[in-house]
Full PDB file with SEQRES, HELIX, SHEET, SSBOND, CRYST1, ORIGX, SCALE, CONECT and MASTER records, all heavy atoms in Angstrom:
SEQRES   1 A   41  ALA MET SER GLY ARG ALA VAL GLU ALA ALA GLY ASP VAL          
SEQRES   2 A   41  ASP THR LEU LEU LEU ASP LYS THR GLY THR ILE THR PHE          
SEQRES   3 A   41  GLY ASN ARG MET ALA SER GLU ILE LEU PRO VAL PRO GLY          
SEQRES   4 A   41  VAL SER                                                      
HELIX    1 AA1 GLY A    4  ALA A   10  1                                   7    
HELIX    2 AA2 LYS A   20  ILE A   24  3                                   5    
CRYST1    1.000    1.000    1.000  90.00  90.00  90.00 P 1           1          
ORIGX1      1.000000  0.000000  0.000000        0.00000                         
ORIGX2      0.000000  1.000000  0.000000        0.00000                         
ORIGX3      0.000000  0.000000  1.000000        0.00000                         
SCALE1      1.000000  0.000000  0.000000        0.00000                         
SCALE2      0.000000  1.000000  0.000000        0.00000                         
SCALE3      0.000000  0.000000  1.000000        0.00000                         
ATOM      1  N   ALA A   1      18.883   9.310  -2.376  1.00  0.00           N  
ATOM      2  CA  ALA A   1      19.536   8.183  -2.851  1.00  0.00           C  
ATOM      3  C   ALA A   1      20.890   8.011  -2.247  1.00  0.00           C  
ATOM      4  O   ALA A   1      21.656   8.995  -2.095  1.00  0.00           O  
ATOM      5  CB  ALA A   1      19.782   8.477  -4.328  1.00  0.00           C  
ATOM      6  N   MET A   2      21.118   6.849  -1.714  1.00  0.00           N  
ATOM      7  CA  MET A   2      22.396   6.491  -1.004  1.00  0.00           C  
ATOM      8  C   MET A   2      23.502   6.224  -1.926  1.00  0.00           C  
ATOM      9  O   MET A   2      24.607   6.156  -1.536  1.00  0.00           O  
ATOM     10  CB  MET A   2      22.155   5.250  -0.078  1.00  0.00           C  
ATOM     11  CG  MET A   2      21.050   5.443   1.019  1.00  0.00           C  
ATOM     12  SD  MET A   2      21.374   6.812   2.096  1.00  0.00           S  
ATOM     13  CE  MET A   2      19.960   6.696   3.143  1.00  0.00           C  
ATOM     14  N   SER A   3      23.224   5.974  -3.265  1.00  0.00           N  
ATOM     15  CA  SER A   3      24.252   5.849  -4.208  1.00  0.00           C  
ATOM     16  C   SER A   3      23.834   6.146  -5.574  1.00  0.00           C  
ATOM     17  O   SER A   3      22.680   6.215  -5.917  1.00  0.00           O  
ATOM     18  CB  SER A   3      24.774   4.300  -4.186  1.00  0.00           C  
ATOM     19  OG  SER A   3      23.709   3.529  -4.901  1.00  0.00           O  
ATOM     20  N   GLY A   4      24.793   6.744  -6.434  1.00  0.00           N  
ATOM     21  CA  GLY A   4      24.556   7.084  -7.813  1.00  0.00           C  
ATOM     22  C   GLY A   4      24.120   5.922  -8.614  1.00  0.00           C  
ATOM     23  O   GLY A   4      23.257   6.006  -9.508  1.00  0.00           O  
ATOM     24  N   ARG A   5      24.641   4.720  -8.246  1.00  0.00           N  
ATOM     25  CA  ARG A   5      24.244   3.473  -8.939  1.00  0.00           C  
ATOM     26  C   ARG A   5      22.690   3.212  -8.822  1.00  0.00           C  
ATOM     27  O   ARG A   5      22.044   2.725  -9.868  1.00  0.00           O  
ATOM     28  CB  ARG A   5      25.013   2.193  -8.443  1.00  0.00           C  
ATOM     29  CG  ARG A   5      24.696   1.051  -9.266  1.00  0.00           C  
ATOM     30  CD  ARG A   5      25.312  -0.184  -8.551  1.00  0.00           C  
ATOM     31  NE  ARG A   5      25.022  -1.399  -9.276  1.00  0.00           N  
ATOM     32  CZ  ARG A   5      23.871  -2.093  -9.288  1.00  0.00           C  
ATOM     33  NH1 ARG A   5      22.927  -1.597  -8.459  1.00  0.00           N  
ATOM     34  NH2 ARG A   5      23.592  -3.120  -9.965  1.00  0.00           N  
ATOM     35  N   ALA A   6      22.141   3.473  -7.691  1.00  0.00           N  
ATOM     36  CA  ALA A   6      20.667   3.284  -7.540  1.00  0.00           C  
ATOM     37  C   ALA A   6      19.864   4.099  -8.401  1.00  0.00           C  
ATOM     38  O   ALA A   6      18.904   3.679  -9.068  1.00  0.00           O  
ATOM     39  CB  ALA A   6      20.379   3.459  -6.086  1.00  0.00           C  
ATOM     40  N   VAL A   7      20.294   5.453  -8.670  1.00  0.00           N  
ATOM     41  CA  VAL A   7      19.596   6.225  -9.534  1.00  0.00           C  
ATOM     42  C   VAL A   7      19.639   5.733 -10.859  1.00  0.00           C  
ATOM     43  O   VAL A   7      18.656   5.741 -11.663  1.00  0.00           O  
ATOM     44  CB  VAL A   7      20.197   7.714  -9.451  1.00  0.00           C  
ATOM     45  CG1 VAL A   7      19.432   8.649 -10.385  1.00  0.00           C  
ATOM     46  CG2 VAL A   7      20.222   8.244  -8.001  1.00  0.00           C  
ATOM     47  N   GLU A   8      20.840   5.377 -11.392  1.00  0.00           N  
ATOM     48  CA  GLU A   8      21.093   4.867 -12.725  1.00  0.00           C  
ATOM     49  C   GLU A   8      20.213   3.538 -12.903  1.00  0.00           C  
ATOM     50  O   GLU A   8      19.565   3.313 -14.003  1.00  0.00           O  
ATOM     51  CB  GLU A   8      22.569   4.529 -12.898  1.00  0.00           C  
ATOM     52  CG  GLU A   8      22.965   4.479 -14.290  1.00  0.00           C  
ATOM     53  CD  GLU A   8      24.479   4.463 -14.419  1.00  0.00           C  
ATOM     54  OE1 GLU A   8      25.064   3.372 -14.326  1.00  0.00           O  
ATOM     55  OE2 GLU A   8      24.962   5.597 -14.609  1.00  0.00           O  
ATOM     56  N   ALA A   9      20.245   2.660 -11.904  1.00  0.00           N  
ATOM     57  CA  ALA A   9      19.526   1.319 -11.974  1.00  0.00           C  
ATOM     58  C   ALA A   9      18.012   1.702 -12.215  1.00  0.00           C  
ATOM     59  O   ALA A   9      17.347   0.900 -12.783  1.00  0.00           O  
ATOM     60  CB  ALA A   9      19.845   0.419 -10.814  1.00  0.00           C  
ATOM     61  N   ALA A  10      17.616   2.624 -11.459  1.00  0.00           N  
ATOM     62  CA  ALA A  10      16.165   2.937 -11.584  1.00  0.00           C  
ATOM     63  C   ALA A  10      15.652   3.219 -12.972  1.00  0.00           C  
ATOM     64  O   ALA A  10      14.458   2.958 -13.354  1.00  0.00           O  
ATOM     65  CB  ALA A  10      15.830   4.201 -10.653  1.00  0.00           C  
ATOM     66  N   GLY A  11      16.481   3.738 -13.837  1.00  0.00           N  
ATOM     67  CA  GLY A  11      16.154   3.986 -15.174  1.00  0.00           C  
ATOM     68  C   GLY A  11      15.855   2.804 -15.962  1.00  0.00           C  
ATOM     69  O   GLY A  11      15.261   2.890 -16.981  1.00  0.00           O  
ATOM     70  N   ASP A  12      16.373   1.599 -15.464  1.00  0.00           N  
ATOM     71  CA  ASP A  12      16.192   0.292 -16.227  1.00  0.00           C  
ATOM     72  C   ASP A  12      15.207  -0.584 -15.511  1.00  0.00           C  
ATOM     73  O   ASP A  12      15.159  -1.852 -15.876  1.00  0.00           O  
ATOM     74  CB  ASP A  12      17.514  -0.318 -16.479  1.00  0.00           C  
ATOM     75  CG  ASP A  12      18.295   0.491 -17.486  1.00  0.00           C  
ATOM     76  OD1 ASP A  12      17.771   1.027 -18.400  1.00  0.00           O  
ATOM     77  OD2 ASP A  12      19.497   0.567 -17.201  1.00  0.00           O  
ATOM     78  N   VAL A  13      14.587  -0.217 -14.397  1.00  0.00           N  
ATOM     79  CA  VAL A  13      13.760  -1.099 -13.638  1.00  0.00           C  
ATOM     80  C   VAL A  13      12.553  -1.599 -14.446  1.00  0.00           C  
ATOM     81  O   VAL A  13      12.008  -0.790 -15.161  1.00  0.00           O  
ATOM     82  CB  VAL A  13      13.282  -0.488 -12.349  1.00  0.00           C  
ATOM     83  CG1 VAL A  13      12.046  -1.187 -11.747  1.00  0.00           C  
ATOM     84  CG2 VAL A  13      14.454  -0.463 -11.272  1.00  0.00           C  
ATOM     85  N   ASP A  14      12.216  -2.875 -14.388  1.00  0.00           N  
ATOM     86  CA  ASP A  14      11.054  -3.360 -15.126  1.00  0.00           C  
ATOM     87  C   ASP A  14      10.190  -4.100 -14.187  1.00  0.00           C  
ATOM     88  O   ASP A  14       9.049  -4.549 -14.626  1.00  0.00           O  
ATOM     89  CB  ASP A  14      11.396  -4.313 -16.247  1.00  0.00           C  
ATOM     90  CG  ASP A  14      12.389  -5.441 -15.846  1.00  0.00           C  
ATOM     91  OD1 ASP A  14      12.483  -5.765 -14.683  1.00  0.00           O  
ATOM     92  OD2 ASP A  14      13.079  -5.913 -16.782  1.00  0.00           O  
ATOM     93  N   THR A  15      10.460  -4.277 -12.906  1.00  0.00           N  
ATOM     94  CA  THR A  15       9.523  -4.972 -11.893  1.00  0.00           C  
ATOM     95  C   THR A  15       9.514  -4.278 -10.659  1.00  0.00           C  
ATOM     96  O   THR A  15      10.688  -3.960 -10.131  1.00  0.00           O  
ATOM     97  CB  THR A  15      10.079  -6.583 -11.747  1.00  0.00           C  
ATOM     98  OG1 THR A  15      10.098  -7.123 -13.066  1.00  0.00           O  
ATOM     99  CG2 THR A  15       9.107  -7.205 -10.793  1.00  0.00           C  
ATOM    100  N   LEU A  16       8.445  -4.104 -10.040  1.00  0.00           N  
ATOM    101  CA  LEU A  16       8.378  -3.392  -8.636  1.00  0.00           C  
ATOM    102  C   LEU A  16       7.601  -4.261  -7.735  1.00  0.00           C  
ATOM    103  O   LEU A  16       6.463  -4.610  -8.108  1.00  0.00           O  
ATOM    104  CB  LEU A  16       7.738  -1.973  -8.885  1.00  0.00           C  
ATOM    105  CG  LEU A  16       7.305  -1.306  -7.587  1.00  0.00           C  
ATOM    106  CD1 LEU A  16       8.454  -1.005  -6.850  1.00  0.00           C  
ATOM    107  CD2 LEU A  16       6.440  -0.015  -7.902  1.00  0.00           C  
ATOM    108  N   LEU A  17       8.242  -4.572  -6.680  1.00  0.00           N  
ATOM    109  CA  LEU A  17       7.562  -5.290  -5.582  1.00  0.00           C  
ATOM    110  C   LEU A  17       7.224  -4.295  -4.444  1.00  0.00           C  
ATOM    111  O   LEU A  17       8.032  -3.344  -4.137  1.00  0.00           O  
ATOM    112  CB  LEU A  17       8.474  -6.251  -4.903  1.00  0.00           C  
ATOM    113  CG  LEU A  17       8.419  -7.758  -5.559  1.00  0.00           C  
ATOM    114  CD1 LEU A  17       8.946  -7.802  -6.948  1.00  0.00           C  
ATOM    115  CD2 LEU A  17       9.128  -8.736  -4.700  1.00  0.00           C  
ATOM    116  N   LEU A  18       6.124  -4.407  -4.087  1.00  0.00           N  
ATOM    117  CA  LEU A  18       5.511  -3.431  -2.944  1.00  0.00           C  
ATOM    118  C   LEU A  18       4.958  -4.283  -1.803  1.00  0.00           C  
ATOM    119  O   LEU A  18       4.077  -5.069  -2.015  1.00  0.00           O  
ATOM    120  CB  LEU A  18       4.470  -2.494  -3.419  1.00  0.00           C  
ATOM    121  CG  LEU A  18       4.848  -1.742  -4.731  1.00  0.00           C  
ATOM    122  CD1 LEU A  18       4.103  -2.213  -5.906  1.00  0.00           C  
ATOM    123  CD2 LEU A  18       4.427  -0.205  -4.532  1.00  0.00           C  
ATOM    124  N   ASP A  19       5.485  -3.925  -0.495  1.00  0.00           N  
ATOM    125  CA  ASP A  19       4.773  -4.527   0.567  1.00  0.00           C  
ATOM    126  C   ASP A  19       3.470  -3.782   0.760  1.00  0.00           C  
ATOM    127  O   ASP A  19       3.358  -2.581   0.604  1.00  0.00           O  
ATOM    128  CB  ASP A  19       5.703  -4.262   1.885  1.00  0.00           C  
ATOM    129  CG  ASP A  19       5.215  -4.797   3.021  1.00  0.00           C  
ATOM    130  OD1 ASP A  19       4.979  -5.991   3.070  1.00  0.00           O  
ATOM    131  OD2 ASP A  19       4.800  -3.940   4.048  1.00  0.00           O  
ATOM    132  N   LYS A  20       2.359  -4.653   1.163  1.00  0.00           N  
ATOM    133  CA  LYS A  20       1.111  -4.115   1.240  1.00  0.00           C  
ATOM    134  C   LYS A  20       0.985  -3.149   2.359  1.00  0.00           C  
ATOM    135  O   LYS A  20       0.625  -1.982   2.149  1.00  0.00           O  
ATOM    136  CB  LYS A  20       0.046  -5.183   1.309  1.00  0.00           C  
ATOM    137  CG  LYS A  20      -1.326  -4.704   1.254  1.00  0.00           C  
ATOM    138  CD  LYS A  20      -2.208  -5.757   2.137  1.00  0.00           C  
ATOM    139  CE  LYS A  20      -2.131  -5.525   3.598  1.00  0.00           C  
ATOM    140  NZ  LYS A  20      -3.027  -6.235   4.364  1.00  0.00           N  
ATOM    141  N   THR A  21       1.219  -3.564   3.606  1.00  0.00           N  
ATOM    142  CA  THR A  21       0.846  -2.902   4.839  1.00  0.00           C  
ATOM    143  C   THR A  21       1.806  -1.624   4.886  1.00  0.00           C  
ATOM    144  O   THR A  21       2.907  -1.812   4.996  1.00  0.00           O  
ATOM    145  CB  THR A  21       1.054  -3.829   5.996  1.00  0.00           C  
ATOM    146  OG1 THR A  21       0.186  -4.794   5.761  1.00  0.00           O  
ATOM    147  CG2 THR A  21       0.570  -2.948   7.350  1.00  0.00           C  
ATOM    148  N   GLY A  22       1.207  -0.499   5.042  1.00  0.00           N  
ATOM    149  CA  GLY A  22       1.980   0.800   5.128  1.00  0.00           C  
ATOM    150  C   GLY A  22       2.546   1.279   3.821  1.00  0.00           C  
ATOM    151  O   GLY A  22       3.012   2.351   3.776  1.00  0.00           O  
ATOM    152  N   THR A  23       2.433   0.527   2.749  1.00  0.00           N  
ATOM    153  CA  THR A  23       2.962   0.919   1.450  1.00  0.00           C  
ATOM    154  C   THR A  23       1.866   1.127   0.432  1.00  0.00           C  
ATOM    155  O   THR A  23       1.660   2.334   0.055  1.00  0.00           O  
ATOM    156  CB  THR A  23       3.943  -0.147   1.006  1.00  0.00           C  
ATOM    157  OG1 THR A  23       4.983  -0.379   1.939  1.00  0.00           O  
ATOM    158  CG2 THR A  23       4.644   0.382  -0.340  1.00  0.00           C  
ATOM    159  N   ILE A  24       1.067   0.092   0.164  1.00  0.00           N  
ATOM    160  CA  ILE A  24      -0.036   0.264  -0.616  1.00  0.00           C  
ATOM    161  C   ILE A  24      -1.243   0.708   0.201  1.00  0.00           C  
ATOM    162  O   ILE A  24      -2.121   1.431  -0.260  1.00  0.00           O  
ATOM    163  CB  ILE A  24      -0.407  -1.121  -1.387  1.00  0.00           C  
ATOM    164  CG1 ILE A  24       0.759  -1.472  -2.403  1.00  0.00           C  
ATOM    165  CG2 ILE A  24      -1.750  -1.070  -2.091  1.00  0.00           C  
ATOM    166  CD1 ILE A  24       0.565  -2.726  -3.105  1.00  0.00           C  
ATOM    167  N   THR A  25      -1.378   0.209   1.369  1.00  0.00           N  
ATOM    168  CA  THR A  25      -2.393   0.588   2.370  1.00  0.00           C  
ATOM    169  C   THR A  25      -1.817   1.479   3.344  1.00  0.00           C  
ATOM    170  O   THR A  25      -0.619   1.521   3.677  1.00  0.00           O  
ATOM    171  CB  THR A  25      -3.133  -0.656   2.916  1.00  0.00           C  
ATOM    172  OG1 THR A  25      -2.128  -1.306   3.704  1.00  0.00           O  
ATOM    173  CG2 THR A  25      -3.512  -1.510   1.707  1.00  0.00           C  
ATOM    174  N   PHE A  26      -2.679   2.072   4.229  1.00  0.00           N  
ATOM    175  CA  PHE A  26      -2.270   2.993   5.279  1.00  0.00           C  
ATOM    176  C   PHE A  26      -1.673   2.108   6.474  1.00  0.00           C  
ATOM    177  O   PHE A  26      -0.995   2.562   7.326  1.00  0.00           O  
ATOM    178  CB  PHE A  26      -3.418   3.675   5.811  1.00  0.00           C  
ATOM    179  CG  PHE A  26      -3.837   4.987   4.847  1.00  0.00           C  
ATOM    180  CD1 PHE A  26      -4.914   4.934   4.167  1.00  0.00           C  
ATOM    181  CD2 PHE A  26      -2.858   5.937   4.839  1.00  0.00           C  
ATOM    182  CE1 PHE A  26      -5.221   5.925   3.324  1.00  0.00           C  
ATOM    183  CE2 PHE A  26      -3.130   7.080   3.999  1.00  0.00           C  
ATOM    184  CZ  PHE A  26      -4.352   7.127   3.285  1.00  0.00           C  
ATOM    185  N   GLY A  27      -2.082   0.770   6.501  1.00  0.00           N  
ATOM    186  CA  GLY A  27      -1.417  -0.111   7.443  1.00  0.00           C  
ATOM    187  C   GLY A  27      -2.423  -0.249   8.722  1.00  0.00           C  
ATOM    188  O   GLY A  27      -2.275  -1.239   9.387  1.00  0.00           O  
ATOM    189  N   ASN A  28      -3.310   0.624   8.934  1.00  0.00           N  
ATOM    190  CA  ASN A  28      -4.209   0.484  10.082  1.00  0.00           C  
ATOM    191  C   ASN A  28      -5.607   0.248   9.503  1.00  0.00           C  
ATOM    192  O   ASN A  28      -6.077   0.729   8.514  1.00  0.00           O  
ATOM    193  CB  ASN A  28      -4.406   1.853  10.880  1.00  0.00           C  
ATOM    194  CG  ASN A  28      -3.142   2.142  11.711  1.00  0.00           C  
ATOM    195  OD1 ASN A  28      -2.508   1.192  12.170  1.00  0.00           O  
ATOM    196  ND2 ASN A  28      -2.822   3.434  11.831  1.00  0.00           N  
ATOM    197  N   ARG A  29      -6.246  -0.883  10.064  1.00  0.00           N  
ATOM    198  CA  ARG A  29      -7.613  -1.289   9.641  1.00  0.00           C  
ATOM    199  C   ARG A  29      -8.526  -0.085  10.092  1.00  0.00           C  
ATOM    200  O   ARG A  29      -8.503   0.302  11.290  1.00  0.00           O  
ATOM    201  CB  ARG A  29      -7.983  -2.484  10.140  1.00  0.00           C  
ATOM    202  CG  ARG A  29      -7.198  -3.701   9.711  1.00  0.00           C  
ATOM    203  CD  ARG A  29      -7.656  -4.971  10.329  1.00  0.00           C  
ATOM    204  NE  ARG A  29      -7.418  -4.871  11.803  1.00  0.00           N  
ATOM    205  CZ  ARG A  29      -7.872  -5.761  12.695  1.00  0.00           C  
ATOM    206  NH1 ARG A  29      -8.454  -6.873  12.309  1.00  0.00           N  
ATOM    207  NH2 ARG A  29      -7.699  -5.532  14.027  1.00  0.00           N  
ATOM    208  N   MET A  30      -9.308   0.335   9.176  1.00  0.00           N  
ATOM    209  CA  MET A  30     -10.241   1.412   9.517  1.00  0.00           C  
ATOM    210  C   MET A  30     -11.713   1.083   9.125  1.00  0.00           C  
ATOM    211  O   MET A  30     -11.968   0.296   8.213  1.00  0.00           O  
ATOM    212  CB  MET A  30      -9.927   2.647   8.624  1.00  0.00           C  
ATOM    213  CG  MET A  30      -8.517   3.161   8.940  1.00  0.00           C  
ATOM    214  SD  MET A  30      -8.041   4.500   7.821  1.00  0.00           S  
ATOM    215  CE  MET A  30      -9.022   5.774   8.370  1.00  0.00           C  
ATOM    216  N   ALA A  31     -12.731   1.489   9.942  1.00  0.00           N  
ATOM    217  CA  ALA A  31     -14.056   1.222   9.742  1.00  0.00           C  
ATOM    218  C   ALA A  31     -14.481   1.857   8.510  1.00  0.00           C  
ATOM    219  O   ALA A  31     -14.320   3.104   8.208  1.00  0.00           O  
ATOM    220  CB  ALA A  31     -14.879   1.726  10.948  1.00  0.00           C  
ATOM    221  N   SER A  32     -15.199   1.139   7.495  1.00  0.00           N  
ATOM    222  CA  SER A  32     -15.680   1.630   6.400  1.00  0.00           C  
ATOM    223  C   SER A  32     -17.184   1.608   6.302  1.00  0.00           C  
ATOM    224  O   SER A  32     -17.756   2.355   5.545  1.00  0.00           O  
ATOM    225  CB  SER A  32     -15.142   0.906   5.247  1.00  0.00           C  
ATOM    226  OG  SER A  32     -15.494  -0.498   5.327  1.00  0.00           O  
ATOM    227  N   GLU A  33     -17.899   0.684   7.074  1.00  0.00           N  
ATOM    228  CA  GLU A  33     -19.349   0.709   7.100  1.00  0.00           C  
ATOM    229  C   GLU A  33     -19.852  -0.239   8.129  1.00  0.00           C  
ATOM    230  O   GLU A  33     -19.097  -1.020   8.760  1.00  0.00           O  
ATOM    231  CB  GLU A  33     -19.912   0.081   5.682  1.00  0.00           C  
ATOM    232  CG  GLU A  33     -19.428  -1.409   5.420  1.00  0.00           C  
ATOM    233  CD  GLU A  33     -19.935  -1.969   4.187  1.00  0.00           C  
ATOM    234  OE1 GLU A  33     -20.979  -1.588   3.762  1.00  0.00           O  
ATOM    235  OE2 GLU A  33     -19.247  -2.847   3.574  1.00  0.00           O  
ATOM    236  N   ILE A  34     -21.131   0.007   8.541  1.00  0.00           N  
ATOM    237  CA  ILE A  34     -21.938  -0.786   9.493  1.00  0.00           C  
ATOM    238  C   ILE A  34     -23.061  -1.454   8.939  1.00  0.00           C  
ATOM    239  O   ILE A  34     -23.848  -0.806   8.312  1.00  0.00           O  
ATOM    240  CB  ILE A  34     -22.298   0.283  10.734  1.00  0.00           C  
ATOM    241  CG1 ILE A  34     -21.015   0.867  11.309  1.00  0.00           C  
ATOM    242  CG2 ILE A  34     -23.049  -0.605  11.737  1.00  0.00           C  
ATOM    243  CD1 ILE A  34     -21.309   1.907  12.420  1.00  0.00           C  
ATOM    244  N   LEU A  35     -23.154  -2.725   9.091  1.00  0.00           N  
ATOM    245  CA  LEU A  35     -24.199  -3.443   8.468  1.00  0.00           C  
ATOM    246  C   LEU A  35     -25.100  -4.051   9.518  1.00  0.00           C  
ATOM    247  O   LEU A  35     -24.816  -4.999  10.202  1.00  0.00           O  
ATOM    248  CB  LEU A  35     -23.582  -4.668   7.579  1.00  0.00           C  
ATOM    249  CG  LEU A  35     -22.509  -4.336   6.549  1.00  0.00           C  
ATOM    250  CD1 LEU A  35     -21.879  -5.646   5.952  1.00  0.00           C  
ATOM    251  CD2 LEU A  35     -23.120  -3.490   5.449  1.00  0.00           C  
ATOM    252  N   PRO A  36     -26.337  -3.430   9.694  1.00  0.00           N  
ATOM    253  CA  PRO A  36     -27.259  -3.839  10.727  1.00  0.00           C  
ATOM    254  C   PRO A  36     -28.035  -5.227  10.269  1.00  0.00           C  
ATOM    255  O   PRO A  36     -28.069  -5.460   9.182  1.00  0.00           O  
ATOM    256  CB  PRO A  36     -28.200  -2.702  10.854  1.00  0.00           C  
ATOM    257  CG  PRO A  36     -28.244  -2.052   9.502  1.00  0.00           C  
ATOM    258  CD  PRO A  36     -26.844  -2.347   8.948  1.00  0.00           C  
ATOM    259  N   VAL A  37     -28.398  -6.034  11.212  1.00  0.00           N  
ATOM    260  CA  VAL A  37     -29.191  -7.229  10.962  1.00  0.00           C  
ATOM    261  C   VAL A  37     -30.633  -6.664  10.769  1.00  0.00           C  
ATOM    262  O   VAL A  37     -30.936  -5.706  11.094  1.00  0.00           O  
ATOM    263  CB  VAL A  37     -29.091  -8.244  12.077  1.00  0.00           C  
ATOM    264  CG1 VAL A  37     -27.673  -8.651  12.274  1.00  0.00           C  
ATOM    265  CG2 VAL A  37     -29.598  -7.680  13.353  1.00  0.00           C  
ATOM    266  N   PRO A  38     -31.442  -7.659  10.065  1.00  0.00           N  
ATOM    267  CA  PRO A  38     -32.864  -7.254   9.878  1.00  0.00           C  
ATOM    268  C   PRO A  38     -33.610  -6.912  11.211  1.00  0.00           C  
ATOM    269  O   PRO A  38     -33.299  -7.527  12.183  1.00  0.00           O  
ATOM    270  CB  PRO A  38     -33.444  -8.531   9.342  1.00  0.00           C  
ATOM    271  CG  PRO A  38     -32.331  -9.160   8.530  1.00  0.00           C  
ATOM    272  CD  PRO A  38     -31.061  -8.845   9.500  1.00  0.00           C  
ATOM    273  N   GLY A  39     -34.329  -5.827  11.232  1.00  0.00           N  
ATOM    274  CA  GLY A  39     -35.025  -5.455  12.463  1.00  0.00           C  
ATOM    275  C   GLY A  39     -34.366  -4.335  13.210  1.00  0.00           C  
ATOM    276  O   GLY A  39     -34.771  -3.751  14.138  1.00  0.00           O  
ATOM    277  N   VAL A  40     -33.085  -4.025  12.862  1.00  0.00           N  
ATOM    278  CA  VAL A  40     -32.175  -2.930  13.485  1.00  0.00           C  
ATOM    279  C   VAL A  40     -31.908  -1.876  12.498  1.00  0.00           C  
ATOM    280  O   VAL A  40     -31.459  -2.248  11.339  1.00  0.00           O  
ATOM    281  CB  VAL A  40     -31.020  -3.569  14.070  1.00  0.00           C  
ATOM    282  CG1 VAL A  40     -30.066  -2.378  14.683  1.00  0.00           C  
ATOM    283  CG2 VAL A  40     -31.197  -4.685  15.126  1.00  0.00           C  
ATOM    284  N   SER A  41     -32.321  -0.593  12.651  1.00  0.00           N  
ATOM    285  CA  SER A  41     -31.922   0.414  11.736  1.00  0.00           C  
ATOM    286  C   SER A  41     -30.497   0.702  11.657  1.00  0.00           C  
ATOM    287  O   SER A  41     -29.698   0.372  12.783  1.00  0.00           O  
ATOM    288  CB  SER A  41     -32.707   1.662  12.065  1.00  0.00           C  
ATOM    289  OG  SER A  41     -32.167   2.275  13.240  1.00  0.00           O  
TER     290      SER A  41                                                      
MASTER        0    0    0    2    0    0    0    6  289    1    0    4          
END                                                                             
């Protein structure tokens, strides 16, 4: 904490904004599945 005021204000916070990339998500797109077309295993 860069200031005591920030610690104190945190006790009364009622709204949180989060940047998605790197915060909610890892930030790097990652392969999760491979979907073949019919006729290809």
